Amino acid sequence: MGQNSVRGEGTRGRVPHARELGWDESLYGDEGERGPGDRPAGAPAPGDRRSDSPSAGKGDTSGPGRSDGEGRASHRRKGPRRRAKKSGKRKILRWVAATLSFLILGTAAAGYLYYQHLNDNLRGGHRAGGDSGVKKAAPNALGDTPLNILLIGSDDRSDDKNVALGGGKNERNRKPLADVQMLLHISADRKNANIVSIPRDTIVKIPKCTGEKGETYAATTTDPINDTLARGGPGCTLTTWESLTGVYIDHWMMVDFAGVVAMADEVGGVPVCVKTGVHDRSTRLVKGGSGLKLKEGTTEIKGEQALQWLRTRHAFGNDQNRAKAQHMYMNGMMEKLQKQNAWTDTGRLMGLAETATEALQVSDEIRSVTKLFDLSMQLKNVKLDRLTTATVPTTEWSQDNNKLVMVPSAAEKMWAMLRDDVAFDKNGDPAGAKPTASAKPKPQGPTAAAPATLAVMVVNGTGGDGAAPTEGRAGAMEQTLQGKGFTKADASRNAEPRKDTVIKYPKSGGDQGKADALSVAKALGLPDSAVRADATAQSITLVIGADWREGATYKKPTSKEGDLPVGADDKVDCMDVYSVYRWDGKS
C-alpha cells in the first residue's frame, strides 16, 4: 500500500504547550515538518485550480498555461534535493525532541522510583501498644502544640550484621531490649528542644500491652524499662513512657546496632571527648565491655567506634553516666548536621535520606519520606544553646542495688515541665518567648447549661505518680461541686490513676458538651486546657490527678524555665573515665 493503514501513523502532532515551555512551535508542530514547497497529501498546491474551480475533482488537474505533465515534471526536477535537505533537518529535530522528552520523562520517572525506593526502605509498627489515657496537649494561643518523639536504641541480634557488631551469637532468638530510650521534646514555638533519658535498668510500672501480632502482655510493677520492647515492641515502650510521664508522645523511631554505624558514617563522624585515654574491656572482676579505645581529648567517631561509644557503661561508671555520653553524642551530631547545612543542602539530604530510611524503623503514621522530612524540619531552627539534654534522677532500688528507681519528686518536676512545655534552658527571649492570649481571640461558643442540670462523675486519680492515692478525695470533691451548684455531682468508687487533673466530656456532646465541661473547670479554678473530649466518656467526668491532692480550688504547679532538678542536666564537655579503664594511648 502506498499510504499508511492507520490514520496519522508516521506523523507527529503538535507538542502540547510548546510555546509556554519556551520552544519554537514551528519546529515541533505539523507545520515544522514541512518546507515552504511541501504540502500534505491531498492538499492543493499554490495556484492549483482544484481548490476553487467548479471543475475541481472532475479530472482537471492542469496548472495555468501548461499541461499537467509539464507541471508535474517541473516539480519533480526541483523537489528532490530540497526535500533531502529538509528531510535531514527534520530527522535532527526529531532526535532532539525525542532526547528532550526522554530526559524529562526519564528524570521524572527516576525521581518517582527513587522516592518509592526510599519509602520501601522504611519499616513501621503501631504507634502505641496500649491505652495510657494520656491525650495530646491543648494548642497554645497560636494554635501550635509541642512535638514529642521517643527515640529507641534496640539491642536486636537477630541478623548477622548486628551479631558481628554486638556479639551474642547465642542471643539471636532472644527478643530485643530497649537499651537506649530518649524522649525528644520540641516546643510548640519550635525554638527550644529537650532530650530526656531514663536509664535502661530503671524499675517502672509497665502497663498491659498488645504486640504487633495481637499477643497480650499483663501489666508488671517490678521490671526494668528496657523490657518494654520485648513486651509488645516499641509501641509498648511508648505507652509505658506516656503512663509514667503524662506526656502524649506523637511518634517513635528505633535504630539497631547496624543502623547506628550507618548513620554515624553518613554524618562523617561525631565529635566526643574523654578526659583521659579510655579502653572499655573485660577485667578480672567484670567481664564484657564495648571495646571502645580512644585517646585523651576530642575524637570524631564513626562506624563501629560510634556504636562502642553509645554502648560503653563500665568505663564511664554506670548507666547514668552512659546516658551523659549518649547525650554528648546527640549534641555532637546536631552540631555536625547544622554545620553541614543538612536541612538545605540537597546532596546531604539525599545521602541522609538513603541511610536513614534503611537504618530506622518508625511508627506507622510517619512511615513515609515526606513525613520524615517534615519532621526533621521541626528541628531546623533550634539553636544549639537551646537544646538541653537531661537524665531523670535515680537511686538504687531497695530490692536490688544493680537496678534503679526514679526519684519521685525530681521525676514529676521534669514531667510537669514537659507537659506544660516549659523550656529546660534559660536562654530564651523573655519578651517574646510565649504567645499571649490576645494573639488569637477565642471563638464564642454556646452558653453552658445550668449547673444543677449537669451530671458530673468524680474519680480519684491521685495515685498517678506512683505514691498511694489520697483516700476520700473523690467524695470530698463531690461535696465541693455540690456546694457550687452542681447538685448532680457523684463520686465514683473506681480509681483512674493519672499525673494531671482533667475534665472529660462525651465527644458526641460537641460544642455544647465542651461549654458545659468548661463551666465545671471554671468553678474549680482548672485551666481550659484540662478540658478534653473523650469518645468513651458517658458524662462529664472529673478525674483528680496526682497534681491536686488537697484543697477545693485547683492551684496549678508552676515551673520556671531552666529550673531542672539537681543532677538532671547532664551536659558535659568531656567524660570522666573510671580508673580501671584508663588508657595511656600506647599499649
Protein backbone atom coordinates (compact mmCIF):
# COMPACT_ATOMS: atom_id res chain seq x y z
CA MET A 1 0.00 0.00 0.00
CA GLY A 2 1.21 3.49 -0.82
CA GLN A 3 -0.39 5.02 2.27
CA ASN A 4 -0.28 4.23 5.98
CA SER A 5 -3.07 1.95 7.04
CA VAL A 6 -3.59 3.82 10.34
CA ARG A 7 -4.62 7.42 10.20
CA GLY A 8 -1.85 9.67 11.50
CA GLU A 9 0.78 6.87 11.68
CA GLY A 10 4.23 8.16 10.87
CA THR A 11 3.34 11.76 11.73
CA ARG A 12 3.66 13.66 14.99
CA GLY A 13 1.05 16.01 16.34
CA ARG A 14 1.74 19.43 17.77
CA VAL A 15 3.68 19.38 21.08
CA PRO A 16 1.26 20.48 23.82
CA HIS A 17 2.13 23.89 25.36
CA ALA A 18 5.27 24.17 23.23
CA ARG A 19 5.17 27.95 23.23
CA GLU A 20 4.66 28.11 27.04
CA LEU A 21 7.66 25.82 27.50
CA GLY A 22 9.83 28.24 25.55
CA TRP A 23 10.19 26.00 22.49
CA ASP A 24 9.76 27.20 18.89
CA GLU A 25 6.37 25.85 17.97
CA SER A 26 7.25 25.87 14.27
CA LEU A 27 9.96 23.28 14.91
CA TYR A 28 7.76 20.78 16.73
CA GLY A 29 4.25 21.14 15.27
CA ASP A 30 2.90 19.78 11.96
CA GLU A 31 3.97 22.96 10.15
CA GLY A 32 7.52 22.48 11.30
CA GLU A 33 7.81 19.21 9.42
CA ARG A 34 7.05 20.83 6.07
CA GLY A 35 9.14 23.16 4.00
CA PRO A 36 7.51 26.03 2.13
CA GLY A 37 7.33 23.91 -1.02
CA ASP A 38 5.86 20.84 0.63
CA ARG A 39 2.21 20.18 1.24
CA PRO A 40 0.20 17.47 2.94
CA ALA A 41 -1.15 14.66 0.83
CA GLY A 42 -4.32 15.75 -0.89
CA ALA A 43 -3.80 19.48 -0.29
CA PRO A 44 -3.77 21.76 -3.36
CA ALA A 45 -0.54 23.36 -4.47
CA PRO A 46 -0.43 27.16 -4.61
CA GLY A 47 -2.42 28.22 -7.70
CA ASP A 48 -3.99 24.78 -8.13
CA ARG A 49 -7.49 25.29 -9.56
CA ARG A 50 -8.84 22.26 -7.71
CA SER A 51 -9.42 24.31 -4.61
CA ASP A 52 -11.80 26.84 -6.15
CA SER A 53 -12.70 25.76 -9.69
CA PRO A 54 -16.17 24.36 -10.43
CA SER A 55 -14.42 21.52 -12.18
CA ALA A 56 -12.28 20.61 -9.22
CA GLY A 57 -12.30 16.91 -8.57
CA LYS A 58 -13.53 16.13 -12.12
CA GLY A 59 -10.20 15.31 -13.74
CA ASP A 60 -8.93 18.83 -14.49
CA THR A 61 -5.54 18.88 -12.72
CA SER A 62 -3.52 21.04 -15.10
CA GLY A 63 -1.73 24.18 -13.93
CA PRO A 64 -2.31 27.51 -15.69
CA GLY A 65 -0.52 27.90 -19.03
CA ARG A 66 1.00 24.42 -19.01
CA SER A 67 0.00 20.80 -19.40
CA ASP A 68 -0.44 18.54 -16.42
CA GLY A 69 2.61 16.56 -17.41
CA GLU A 70 4.80 19.62 -17.69
CA GLY A 71 3.75 20.88 -14.28
CA ARG A 72 4.48 17.60 -12.56
CA ALA A 73 7.77 17.12 -14.39
CA SER A 74 8.91 20.57 -13.39
CA HIS A 75 8.02 19.92 -9.80
CA ARG A 76 9.89 16.60 -9.78
CA ARG A 77 13.02 18.19 -11.22
CA LYS A 78 13.23 20.89 -8.50
CA GLY A 79 11.95 18.98 -5.46
CA PRO A 80 14.22 16.02 -4.54
CA ARG A 81 17.38 17.93 -3.46
CA ARG A 82 15.43 20.50 -1.49
CA ARG A 83 13.39 17.75 0.13
CA ALA A 84 16.52 15.76 1.02
CA LYS A 85 17.99 18.74 2.90
CA LYS A 86 14.76 19.40 4.68
CA SER A 87 14.32 15.72 5.50
CA GLY A 88 17.76 15.69 7.13
CA LYS A 89 16.88 18.74 9.24
CA ARG A 90 13.61 17.16 10.26
CA LYS A 91 15.37 13.98 11.39
CA ILE A 92 17.74 16.04 13.57
CA LEU A 93 14.83 17.92 15.08
CA ARG A 94 13.04 14.64 15.75
CA TRP A 95 16.10 13.29 17.56
CA VAL A 96 16.43 16.49 19.63
CA ALA A 97 12.75 16.38 20.59
CA ALA A 98 12.90 12.67 21.38
CA THR A 99 16.02 13.13 23.51
CA LEU A 100 14.47 16.02 25.45
CA SER A 101 11.30 14.02 26.01
CA PHE A 102 13.30 11.03 27.21
CA LEU A 103 15.35 13.16 29.61
CA ILE A 104 12.29 14.94 31.03
CA LEU A 105 10.21 11.80 31.39
CA GLY A 106 13.19 9.75 32.49
CA THR A 107 14.12 12.22 35.21
CA ALA A 108 10.54 12.31 36.49
CA ALA A 109 10.31 8.53 36.44
CA ALA A 110 13.68 8.15 38.18
CA GLY A 111 12.62 10.64 40.86
CA TYR A 112 9.38 8.77 41.46
CA LEU A 113 11.14 5.40 41.55
CA TYR A 114 13.77 6.73 43.96
CA TYR A 115 11.05 8.17 46.19
CA GLN A 116 9.32 4.78 46.19
CA HIS A 117 12.66 3.10 46.88
CA LEU A 118 13.17 5.26 49.98
CA ASN A 119 9.63 4.56 51.17
CA ASP A 120 10.16 0.83 50.65
CA ASN A 121 13.29 1.02 52.84
CA LEU A 122 11.23 2.12 55.84
CA ARG A 123 9.88 -0.37 58.36
CA GLY A 124 6.94 0.53 60.58
CA GLY A 125 4.83 -0.53 63.53
CA HIS A 126 1.88 0.54 65.68
CA ARG A 127 2.31 3.90 67.43
CA ALA A 128 1.10 2.61 70.80
CA GLY A 129 0.97 -0.81 72.42
CA GLY A 130 -1.81 0.03 74.88
CA ASP A 131 -4.04 2.75 76.25
CA SER A 132 -2.26 5.13 78.63
CA GLY A 133 -5.21 7.51 78.86
CA VAL A 134 -2.90 10.42 78.00
CA LYS A 135 -4.25 12.94 75.50
CA LYS A 136 -2.40 15.33 73.21
CA ALA A 137 -1.67 18.73 74.76
CA ALA A 138 -4.08 21.53 74.01
CA PRO A 139 -2.80 24.08 71.43
CA ASN A 140 -1.34 27.36 72.63
CA ALA A 141 -2.87 30.73 71.73
CA LEU A 142 -1.38 30.48 68.23
CA GLY A 143 -2.79 27.01 67.64
CA ASP A 144 0.56 25.19 67.95
CA THR A 145 1.36 22.10 70.03
CA PRO A 146 4.65 20.58 71.22
CA LEU A 147 6.12 17.63 69.34
CA ASN A 148 7.29 14.56 71.29
CA ILE A 149 9.25 11.73 69.67
CA LEU A 150 10.52 8.65 71.51
CA LEU A 151 13.97 7.55 70.31
CA ILE A 152 14.76 3.87 70.96
CA GLY A 153 18.05 2.00 70.59
CA SER A 154 17.48 -1.74 70.22
CA ASP A 155 19.99 -4.49 71.09
CA ASP A 156 18.44 -6.78 68.46
CA ARG A 157 20.79 -9.58 67.41
CA SER A 158 18.52 -11.43 65.01
CA ASP A 159 20.73 -10.87 61.93
CA ASP A 160 24.41 -11.33 61.09
CA LYS A 161 25.23 -7.61 60.95
CA ASN A 162 24.03 -6.99 64.49
CA VAL A 163 25.75 -10.11 65.82
CA ALA A 164 29.01 -9.01 64.20
CA LEU A 165 28.72 -5.60 65.85
CA GLY A 166 27.21 -6.56 69.20
CA GLY A 167 28.29 -10.14 69.77
CA GLY A 168 25.92 -12.55 71.49
CA LYS A 169 25.52 -15.24 68.84
CA ASN A 170 23.58 -17.26 71.42
CA GLU A 171 21.03 -14.42 71.69
CA ARG A 172 19.73 -14.48 68.11
CA ASN A 173 16.33 -15.75 69.22
CA ARG A 174 16.02 -13.50 72.27
CA LYS A 175 13.53 -10.66 71.96
CA PRO A 176 15.36 -7.33 71.71
CA LEU A 177 15.58 -4.93 74.65
CA ALA A 178 15.36 -1.13 74.55
CA ASP A 179 18.88 -0.36 75.74
CA VAL A 180 18.58 3.34 74.87
CA GLN A 181 15.44 5.39 75.47
CA MET A 182 15.28 9.14 74.94
CA LEU A 183 12.30 11.46 74.65
CA LEU A 184 12.85 14.32 72.21
CA HIS A 185 10.54 17.23 73.09
CA ILE A 186 10.34 20.15 70.64
CA SER A 187 8.50 23.17 71.99
CA ALA A 188 5.27 24.43 70.43
CA ASP A 189 7.06 27.53 69.11
CA ARG A 190 9.89 25.31 67.75
CA LYS A 191 12.52 27.48 69.47
CA ASN A 192 13.84 25.01 72.06
CA ALA A 193 14.17 21.26 72.46
CA ASN A 194 14.94 18.77 75.22
CA ILE A 195 16.26 15.22 75.16
CA VAL A 196 15.40 13.24 78.29
CA SER A 197 16.72 9.76 79.12
CA ILE A 198 15.57 7.11 81.56
CA PRO A 199 18.40 4.61 82.33
CA ARG A 200 17.64 1.16 80.94
CA ASP A 201 17.71 -0.67 84.33
CA THR A 202 15.16 1.64 85.97
CA ILE A 203 12.29 -0.30 87.60
CA VAL A 204 8.92 1.07 86.46
CA LYS A 205 5.27 0.10 86.19
CA ILE A 206 4.76 -1.38 82.73
CA PRO A 207 1.10 -1.25 81.61
CA LYS A 208 -0.76 -4.00 79.79
CA CYS A 209 0.45 -4.10 76.17
CA THR A 210 -0.56 -5.72 72.91
CA GLY A 211 2.08 -6.74 70.36
CA GLU A 212 2.08 -6.34 66.59
CA LYS A 213 0.68 -9.86 66.14
CA GLY A 214 -2.08 -9.39 68.70
CA GLU A 215 -0.31 -11.11 71.60
CA THR A 216 -1.00 -9.57 75.02
CA TYR A 217 1.29 -8.94 77.98
CA ALA A 218 -0.02 -8.36 81.51
CA ALA A 219 0.97 -5.25 83.45
CA THR A 220 4.01 -5.55 85.74
CA THR A 221 5.44 -3.47 88.59
CA THR A 222 8.97 -4.81 89.15
CA ASP A 223 10.55 -4.99 85.68
CA PRO A 224 13.18 -2.64 84.19
CA ILE A 225 12.04 -0.23 81.50
CA ASN A 226 14.19 -1.83 78.80
CA ASP A 227 11.94 -4.93 79.00
CA THR A 228 9.13 -2.95 77.37
CA LEU A 229 10.49 -3.61 73.87
CA ALA A 230 10.21 -7.36 74.43
CA ARG A 231 6.66 -6.94 75.77
CA GLY A 232 4.88 -5.73 72.65
CA GLY A 233 7.53 -3.84 70.69
CA PRO A 234 8.27 -0.10 70.52
CA GLY A 235 4.55 0.69 70.90
CA CYS A 236 4.70 -0.75 74.42
CA THR A 237 7.77 1.35 75.22
CA LEU A 238 5.84 4.44 74.10
CA THR A 239 2.76 3.53 76.17
CA THR A 240 4.97 2.99 79.23
CA TRP A 241 6.56 6.42 78.82
CA GLU A 242 3.15 8.06 78.46
CA SER A 243 1.92 6.31 81.61
CA LEU A 244 5.00 7.39 83.56
CA THR A 245 5.14 11.00 82.41
CA GLY A 246 1.59 12.03 81.46
CA VAL A 247 3.13 13.39 78.24
CA TYR A 248 1.47 12.50 74.95
CA ILE A 249 4.10 11.06 72.56
CA ASP A 250 3.40 11.64 68.87
CA HIS A 251 5.81 9.12 67.29
CA TRP A 252 8.61 6.67 67.93
CA MET A 253 11.79 5.90 65.99
CA MET A 254 14.01 2.90 66.57
CA VAL A 255 17.52 2.01 65.42
CA ASP A 256 19.63 -1.12 65.88
CA PHE A 257 23.41 -1.64 66.03
CA ALA A 258 23.91 -1.64 62.26
CA GLY A 259 21.74 1.48 61.92
CA VAL A 260 23.86 3.43 64.41
CA VAL A 261 27.01 2.56 62.47
CA ALA A 262 25.45 3.55 59.13
CA MET A 263 24.17 6.90 60.42
CA ALA A 264 27.50 7.79 62.03
CA ASP A 265 29.29 7.04 58.76
CA GLU A 266 26.81 9.12 56.75
CA VAL A 267 27.30 12.15 59.00
CA GLY A 268 31.05 11.75 58.62
CA GLY A 269 31.87 11.32 62.29
CA VAL A 270 30.60 12.84 65.54
CA PRO A 271 32.89 14.68 68.00
CA VAL A 272 33.15 13.24 71.53
CA CYS A 273 35.64 13.86 74.35
CA VAL A 274 37.28 11.91 77.20
CA LYS A 275 39.43 13.46 79.93
CA THR A 276 41.91 10.56 79.75
CA GLY A 277 42.50 7.74 77.30
CA VAL A 278 39.86 5.01 77.61
CA HIS A 279 39.73 1.28 76.86
CA ASP A 280 36.43 -0.38 77.81
CA ARG A 281 37.46 -4.05 78.08
CA SER A 282 36.96 -7.17 80.16
CA THR A 283 38.71 -7.14 83.54
CA ARG A 284 39.36 -9.81 86.13
CA LEU A 285 36.29 -8.78 88.09
CA VAL A 286 33.96 -7.50 85.34
CA LYS A 287 33.56 -9.37 82.08
CA GLY A 288 32.41 -7.82 78.83
CA GLY A 289 32.92 -4.26 77.67
CA SER A 290 32.21 -2.39 74.45
CA GLY A 291 35.80 -2.45 73.17
CA LEU A 292 35.93 1.38 72.94
CA LYS A 293 39.52 2.61 72.69
CA LEU A 294 40.14 6.38 72.43
CA LYS A 295 42.99 8.70 73.21
CA GLU A 296 42.61 11.64 75.56
CA GLY A 297 40.75 14.66 74.18
CA THR A 298 38.28 15.08 71.35
CA THR A 299 37.87 12.49 68.59
CA GLU A 300 35.41 12.33 65.72
CA ILE A 301 34.00 8.83 65.93
CA LYS A 302 32.05 6.96 63.29
CA GLY A 303 31.23 3.41 62.23
CA GLU A 304 31.74 0.70 64.84
CA GLN A 305 33.54 3.15 67.12
CA ALA A 306 30.35 5.23 67.38
CA LEU A 307 28.41 2.13 68.44
CA GLN A 308 31.07 1.32 71.05
CA TRP A 309 30.78 4.84 72.48
CA LEU A 310 26.99 4.59 72.82
CA ARG A 311 27.23 1.16 74.49
CA THR A 312 30.06 1.94 76.94
CA ARG A 313 28.98 1.67 80.56
CA HIS A 314 31.78 0.20 82.69
CA ALA A 315 34.42 2.73 81.68
CA PHE A 316 32.03 5.63 82.40
CA GLY A 317 31.00 4.18 85.77
CA ASN A 318 27.26 3.45 85.45
CA ASP A 319 24.11 3.77 83.38
CA GLN A 320 23.58 7.41 84.36
CA ASN A 321 26.99 8.36 83.03
CA ARG A 322 26.42 6.28 79.92
CA ALA A 323 23.37 8.48 79.30
CA LYS A 324 25.66 11.53 79.58
CA ALA A 325 27.93 10.04 76.93
CA GLN A 326 24.95 9.30 74.68
CA HIS A 327 23.73 12.88 75.06
CA MET A 328 27.19 14.20 74.20
CA TYR A 329 26.95 12.16 71.00
CA MET A 330 23.47 13.55 70.22
CA ASN A 331 24.65 17.13 70.76
CA GLY A 332 27.67 16.49 68.56
CA MET A 333 25.53 15.05 65.78
CA MET A 334 23.17 18.05 65.86
CA GLU A 335 26.13 20.42 65.68
CA LYS A 336 27.60 18.47 62.78
CA LEU A 337 24.33 18.45 60.83
CA GLN A 338 23.83 22.18 61.28
CA LYS A 339 27.38 22.89 60.11
CA GLN A 340 26.75 20.72 57.05
CA ASN A 341 23.54 22.64 56.21
CA ALA A 342 21.85 19.25 56.22
CA TRP A 343 18.35 20.77 56.02
CA THR A 344 19.06 22.86 52.93
CA ASP A 345 21.83 21.04 51.03
CA THR A 346 20.14 18.72 48.53
CA GLY A 347 23.15 16.42 48.30
CA ARG A 348 23.34 15.97 52.06
CA LEU A 349 19.59 15.39 52.25
CA MET A 350 19.76 12.66 49.60
CA GLY A 351 22.55 10.83 51.42
CA LEU A 352 20.89 11.17 54.80
CA ALA A 353 17.54 10.06 53.40
CA GLU A 354 19.03 6.91 51.87
CA THR A 355 20.86 5.95 55.07
CA ALA A 356 18.13 6.96 57.49
CA THR A 357 15.35 5.07 55.72
CA GLU A 358 17.44 1.90 55.80
CA ALA A 359 18.56 2.40 59.41
CA LEU A 360 15.30 3.45 61.06
CA GLN A 361 12.08 1.73 62.00
CA VAL A 362 9.30 4.23 62.69
CA SER A 363 5.70 4.33 63.88
CA ASP A 364 3.25 3.80 61.03
CA GLU A 365 1.82 7.33 60.89
CA ILE A 366 5.22 8.74 59.82
CA ARG A 367 6.26 5.86 57.58
CA SER A 368 6.98 7.97 54.50
CA VAL A 369 9.91 10.03 53.28
CA THR A 370 7.78 13.16 53.05
CA LYS A 371 6.57 12.91 56.65
CA LEU A 372 10.07 12.15 57.97
CA PHE A 373 11.45 15.14 56.09
CA ASP A 374 8.73 17.38 57.50
CA LEU A 375 9.51 16.01 60.95
CA SER A 376 13.23 16.74 60.63
CA MET A 377 12.45 20.31 59.59
CA GLN A 378 10.95 20.90 63.04
CA LEU A 379 14.50 20.87 64.45
CA LYS A 380 15.99 23.14 61.82
CA ASN A 381 15.61 26.38 63.76
CA VAL A 382 16.52 25.10 67.24
CA LYS A 383 19.82 26.68 68.26
CA LEU A 384 22.40 24.52 69.98
CA ASP A 385 22.27 26.62 73.16
CA ARG A 386 18.55 25.83 73.36
CA LEU A 387 18.97 22.05 73.06
CA THR A 388 19.08 20.61 76.58
CA THR A 389 19.96 17.02 77.42
CA ALA A 390 18.89 15.56 80.76
CA THR A 391 18.58 12.26 82.62
CA VAL A 392 15.86 11.68 85.18
CA PRO A 393 17.48 11.47 88.65
CA THR A 394 17.55 7.91 90.03
CA THR A 395 18.67 6.00 93.08
CA GLU A 396 19.37 2.34 93.84
CA TRP A 397 16.36 0.06 94.10
CA SER A 398 15.91 -1.30 97.62
CA GLN A 399 15.38 -4.85 96.36
CA ASP A 400 18.42 -4.97 94.04
CA ASN A 401 21.28 -2.47 94.10
CA ASN A 402 22.03 -3.26 90.44
CA LYS A 403 18.67 -1.75 89.49
CA LEU A 404 17.43 1.83 89.76
CA VAL A 405 14.24 3.68 90.64
CA MET A 406 13.38 7.28 89.78
CA VAL A 407 13.42 9.93 92.48
CA PRO A 408 9.65 10.72 92.54
CA SER A 409 9.80 14.46 93.27
CA ALA A 410 12.55 15.10 90.70
CA ALA A 411 10.90 12.97 88.03
CA GLU A 412 7.49 14.59 88.48
CA LYS A 413 9.03 18.06 88.26
CA MET A 414 10.60 17.16 84.89
CA TRP A 415 7.41 15.55 83.59
CA ALA A 416 5.39 18.62 84.60
CA MET A 417 7.80 20.87 82.67
CA LEU A 418 7.34 18.70 79.59
CA ARG A 419 3.55 18.62 79.95
CA ASP A 420 3.44 22.41 80.33
CA ASP A 421 6.01 22.99 77.55
CA VAL A 422 8.37 24.84 79.90
CA ALA A 423 11.90 25.15 78.48
CA PHE A 424 14.69 23.23 80.22
CA ASP A 425 17.12 26.06 79.37
CA LYS A 426 17.24 29.72 80.39
CA ASN A 427 18.40 31.06 77.02
CA GLY A 428 15.05 32.09 75.58
CA ASP A 429 13.80 35.60 74.93
CA PRO A 430 11.53 36.52 77.87
CA ALA A 431 9.85 39.27 75.85
CA GLY A 432 8.67 37.08 73.00
CA ALA A 433 9.01 33.52 74.17
CA LYS A 434 5.34 32.68 74.67
CA PRO A 435 2.30 33.84 72.69
CA THR A 436 -0.23 35.83 74.69
CA ALA A 437 -3.90 35.01 74.89
CA SER A 438 -4.68 38.13 72.87
CA ALA A 439 -2.67 36.79 69.92
CA LYS A 440 -5.69 34.77 68.78
CA PRO A 441 -9.17 35.61 70.06
CA LYS A 442 -11.18 32.66 71.32
CA PRO A 443 -14.25 31.82 69.25
CA GLN A 444 -17.57 32.29 71.01
CA GLY A 445 -19.39 29.02 71.71
CA PRO A 446 -22.78 28.09 73.15
CA THR A 447 -23.77 29.05 76.71
CA ALA A 448 -23.24 26.34 79.34
CA ALA A 449 -26.29 24.67 80.84
CA ALA A 450 -27.30 25.47 84.42
CA PRO A 451 -25.00 23.72 86.96
CA ALA A 452 -27.90 21.93 88.65
CA THR A 453 -28.77 20.17 85.36
CA LEU A 454 -25.28 18.74 84.74
CA ALA A 455 -24.31 15.24 85.87
CA VAL A 456 -20.64 15.20 86.93
CA MET A 457 -18.82 11.97 87.83
CA VAL A 458 -15.83 12.47 90.17
CA VAL A 459 -12.96 9.94 90.00
CA ASN A 460 -9.95 9.66 92.31
CA GLY A 461 -6.78 9.51 90.22
CA THR A 462 -4.33 10.83 92.82
CA GLY A 463 -2.27 7.63 92.73
CA GLY A 464 -0.95 8.50 89.28
CA ASP A 465 2.53 9.44 90.50
CA GLY A 466 3.29 6.04 91.99
CA ALA A 467 2.52 7.11 95.55
CA ALA A 468 -0.52 5.94 97.49
CA PRO A 469 -3.72 7.73 96.45
CA THR A 470 -5.33 10.28 98.74
CA GLU A 471 -8.18 8.46 100.48
CA GLY A 472 -11.65 10.01 100.16
CA ARG A 473 -10.54 12.56 97.56
CA ALA A 474 -13.43 11.86 95.16
CA GLY A 475 -16.00 12.17 97.95
CA ALA A 476 -14.53 15.46 99.15
CA MET A 477 -14.67 16.96 95.63
CA GLU A 478 -18.22 15.67 95.20
CA GLN A 479 -19.20 17.82 98.19
CA THR A 480 -17.26 20.80 96.79
CA LEU A 481 -19.07 20.62 93.45
CA GLN A 482 -22.49 20.27 95.07
CA GLY A 483 -21.72 23.35 97.14
CA LYS A 484 -21.05 25.24 93.89
CA GLY A 485 -24.45 24.32 92.44
CA PHE A 486 -23.55 21.08 90.62
CA THR A 487 -26.05 19.11 92.67
CA LYS A 488 -25.85 16.04 90.41
CA ALA A 489 -22.14 15.52 91.16
CA ASP A 490 -21.43 11.93 92.24
CA ALA A 491 -18.24 10.22 93.48
CA SER A 492 -17.15 7.07 91.67
CA ARG A 493 -15.87 4.02 93.53
CA ASN A 494 -13.42 3.31 90.71
CA ALA A 495 -9.92 4.75 90.53
CA GLU A 496 -8.20 6.11 87.41
CA PRO A 497 -4.60 6.99 88.35
CA ARG A 498 -3.08 9.78 86.29
CA LYS A 499 -0.49 12.53 86.66
CA ASP A 500 -2.61 15.55 85.80
CA THR A 501 -6.20 16.51 86.55
CA VAL A 502 -8.61 16.50 83.61
CA ILE A 503 -12.30 17.02 82.91
CA LYS A 504 -13.56 14.73 80.17
CA TYR A 505 -16.83 15.14 78.32
CA PRO A 506 -18.55 12.90 75.72
CA LYS A 507 -17.15 13.56 72.28
CA SER A 508 -20.67 13.32 70.91
CA GLY A 509 -21.59 16.37 73.01
CA GLY A 510 -19.80 18.67 70.58
CA ASP A 511 -19.57 22.39 71.36
CA GLN A 512 -22.36 22.26 73.93
CA GLY A 513 -20.63 19.42 75.79
CA LYS A 514 -17.40 21.39 75.81
CA ALA A 515 -19.14 24.53 77.12
CA ASP A 516 -20.71 22.52 79.94
CA ALA A 517 -17.36 20.95 80.90
CA LEU A 518 -15.65 24.34 80.81
CA SER A 519 -18.18 25.65 83.32
CA VAL A 520 -17.09 22.90 85.73
CA ALA A 521 -13.43 23.78 85.15
CA LYS A 522 -14.10 27.46 85.83
CA ALA A 523 -15.90 26.65 89.09
CA LEU A 524 -12.87 24.69 90.33
CA GLY A 525 -10.13 27.01 89.03
CA LEU A 526 -8.89 24.49 86.44
CA PRO A 527 -7.38 25.82 83.19
CA ASP A 528 -9.27 25.39 79.90
CA SER A 529 -6.52 23.03 78.73
CA ALA A 530 -7.71 20.47 81.32
CA VAL A 531 -10.99 20.02 79.40
CA ARG A 532 -10.90 17.27 76.77
CA ALA A 533 -13.36 15.42 74.56
CA ASP A 534 -13.41 11.66 75.12
CA ALA A 535 -15.22 9.07 73.00
CA THR A 536 -15.59 6.72 76.00
CA ALA A 537 -16.98 9.26 78.48
CA GLN A 538 -20.66 8.77 79.38
CA SER A 539 -21.00 12.14 81.11
CA ILE A 540 -18.80 14.99 82.33
CA THR A 541 -16.07 13.26 84.33
CA LEU A 542 -13.62 14.99 86.70
CA VAL A 543 -10.50 12.84 87.19
CA ILE A 544 -8.47 14.29 90.06
CA GLY A 545 -4.80 13.68 89.27
CA ALA A 546 -1.72 13.42 91.45
CA ASP A 547 -1.17 17.16 90.91
CA TRP A 548 -4.21 18.02 93.09
CA ARG A 549 -4.16 16.04 96.31
CA GLU A 550 -5.75 18.65 98.54
CA GLY A 551 -7.82 21.81 98.54
CA ALA A 552 -11.14 22.76 96.95
CA THR A 553 -9.63 25.11 94.36
CA TYR A 554 -7.01 23.90 91.89
CA LYS A 555 -3.63 25.61 92.05
CA LYS A 556 -1.57 24.80 89.01
CA PRO A 557 2.00 23.89 89.94
CA THR A 558 4.32 26.50 88.47
CA SER A 559 7.57 25.62 86.71
CA LYS A 560 10.25 28.13 85.82
CA GLU A 561 12.30 27.88 82.64
CA GLY A 562 15.60 26.17 83.31
CA ASP A 563 14.54 25.08 86.81
CA LEU A 564 15.57 21.44 86.46
CA PRO A 565 16.03 19.16 89.49
CA VAL A 566 19.56 18.83 90.81
CA GLY A 567 21.51 16.28 88.77
CA ALA A 568 19.11 16.20 85.82
CA ASP A 569 21.04 18.47 83.43
CA ASP A 570 23.86 16.17 82.35
CA LYS A 571 25.62 18.12 79.61
CA VAL A 572 29.40 17.80 79.99
CA ASP A 573 32.34 18.92 77.87
CA CYS A 574 34.40 15.78 78.47
CA MET A 575 33.64 12.38 80.00
CA ASP A 576 35.39 11.13 83.14
CA VAL A 577 36.87 7.65 82.83
CA TYR A 578 36.77 5.14 85.71
CA SER A 579 40.37 4.48 86.78
CA VAL A 580 40.35 0.76 85.88
CA TYR A 581 39.62 1.59 82.23
CA ARG A 582 42.04 4.45 81.68
CA TRP A 583 44.45 4.01 78.78
CA ASP A 584 47.83 5.66 78.23
CA GLY A 585 47.36 5.77 74.47
CA LYS A 586 50.31 3.46 73.79
CA SER A 587 49.59 -0.18 74.55
